[in-house]
Protein backbone atom coordinates (compact mmCIF):
# COMPACT_ATOMS: atom_id res chain seq x y z
CA MET A 1 62.97 19.17 72.65
CA SER A 2 62.29 18.01 76.29
CA ALA A 3 63.70 14.88 77.94
CA ASP A 4 60.21 13.09 78.22
CA LYS A 5 59.56 13.56 74.54
CA ASN A 6 62.96 11.99 73.58
CA ALA A 7 62.52 9.19 75.81
CA ILE A 8 59.15 8.44 74.06
CA LEU A 9 60.54 8.72 70.67
CA LYS A 10 63.39 6.42 71.79
CA GLN A 11 60.79 3.91 73.14
CA ILE A 12 58.57 4.16 69.69
CA ALA A 13 62.03 3.87 67.87
CA GLU A 14 62.97 0.47 69.80
CA ILE A 15 59.27 -0.82 69.40
CA ARG A 16 59.30 -0.43 65.63
CA SER A 17 62.65 -1.84 65.24
CA ARG A 18 60.92 -5.48 66.72
CA LEU A 19 58.21 -5.33 64.50
CA ASP A 20 58.09 -7.43 61.37
CA PRO A 21 57.95 -4.88 58.58
CA SER A 22 54.91 -6.39 56.89
CA THR A 23 53.17 -5.82 60.15
CA LEU A 24 54.38 -2.30 60.46
CA HIS A 25 53.24 -1.70 56.59
CA ARG A 26 49.70 -3.20 57.62
CA VAL A 27 49.29 -0.90 60.56
CA GLU A 28 50.24 2.18 58.82
CA ALA A 29 47.90 1.26 55.87
CA ILE A 30 44.74 0.92 58.57
CA VAL A 31 46.09 4.37 60.15
CA GLN A 32 46.98 6.62 56.68
CA PRO A 33 43.33 6.94 56.03
CA LEU A 34 42.37 8.32 59.24
CA VAL A 35 45.39 10.80 59.18
CA GLU A 36 44.27 11.74 55.74
CA GLN A 37 40.67 12.40 56.82
CA GLY A 38 41.86 14.35 59.74
CA ALA A 39 40.46 11.89 62.23
CA LEU A 40 43.83 11.54 63.60
CA GLY A 41 46.09 14.36 64.67
CA PRO A 42 49.75 14.37 64.21
CA GLY A 43 50.26 12.47 67.75
CA GLY A 44 47.30 9.93 67.03
CA SER A 45 45.55 11.93 69.67
CA GLY A 46 42.27 12.43 67.88
CA THR A 47 42.57 15.94 67.37
CA GLY A 48 42.89 16.52 63.77
CA THR A 49 41.21 18.90 61.53
CA LYS A 50 37.70 17.53 62.41
CA SER A 51 35.50 18.65 65.31
CA SER A 52 36.28 17.46 68.84
CA SER A 53 32.72 15.60 68.66
CA THR A 54 34.40 13.27 65.89
CA VAL A 55 35.34 9.81 66.88
CA ALA A 56 39.12 9.18 65.68
CA TYR A 57 38.45 5.51 65.04
CA ASP A 58 35.66 3.08 64.31
CA ARG A 59 34.94 -0.28 65.83
CA GLU A 60 36.19 -2.16 62.65
CA THR A 61 39.56 -0.27 62.35
CA ALA A 62 40.32 -0.61 66.12
CA VAL A 63 39.53 -4.33 65.91
CA SER A 64 41.69 -4.50 62.85
CA ALA A 65 44.50 -2.67 64.48
CA VAL A 66 44.65 -4.85 67.71
CA LYS A 67 44.55 -8.16 65.70
CA VAL A 68 47.50 -6.73 63.73
CA PHE A 69 49.31 -6.00 66.83
CA LEU A 70 48.41 -9.39 68.47
CA ASP A 71 49.25 -11.26 65.36
CA SER A 72 52.77 -9.61 65.32
CA ARG A 73 53.85 -10.91 68.85
CA ALA A 74 56.13 -13.92 68.72
CA ASP A 75 55.32 -15.45 72.06
CA GLY A 76 53.16 -18.13 71.03
CA GLY A 77 49.91 -16.41 72.00
CA ASN A 78 50.77 -15.93 75.70
CA PHE A 79 49.93 -12.06 75.71
CA LYS A 80 46.70 -12.77 73.69
CA ARG A 81 45.49 -15.03 76.24
CA ARG A 82 46.52 -12.84 79.26
CA LEU A 83 44.69 -9.90 77.82
CA ARG A 84 41.46 -12.10 76.94
CA GLN A 85 41.51 -13.21 80.86
CA ALA A 86 42.06 -9.64 81.99
CA LEU A 87 39.36 -8.46 79.94
CA LYS A 88 36.98 -11.25 80.96
CA ARG A 89 37.84 -10.25 84.52
CA GLU A 90 37.17 -6.61 83.96
CA THR A 91 33.38 -7.42 82.39
CA HIS A 92 32.39 -9.70 84.80
């Protein structure tokens, strides 16, 4: 395994260890049906068994996953506020 891949896997493990287990289960419940449908490849890249023109997610699922992520942060909503401000700046 390459050093880059090992570093990424270590980062993933560190992030997962900081997540609330119930949040992690909610995210897995959102992603698992997409994996089973072949909409997501093994790396979550959207390169599963479906054709390359298939969108790897739908808007509702993506919004749900982002909400789960933002709700799991223990920073009093700071990251969510900063993200909203950055998105507003990008669209205006």
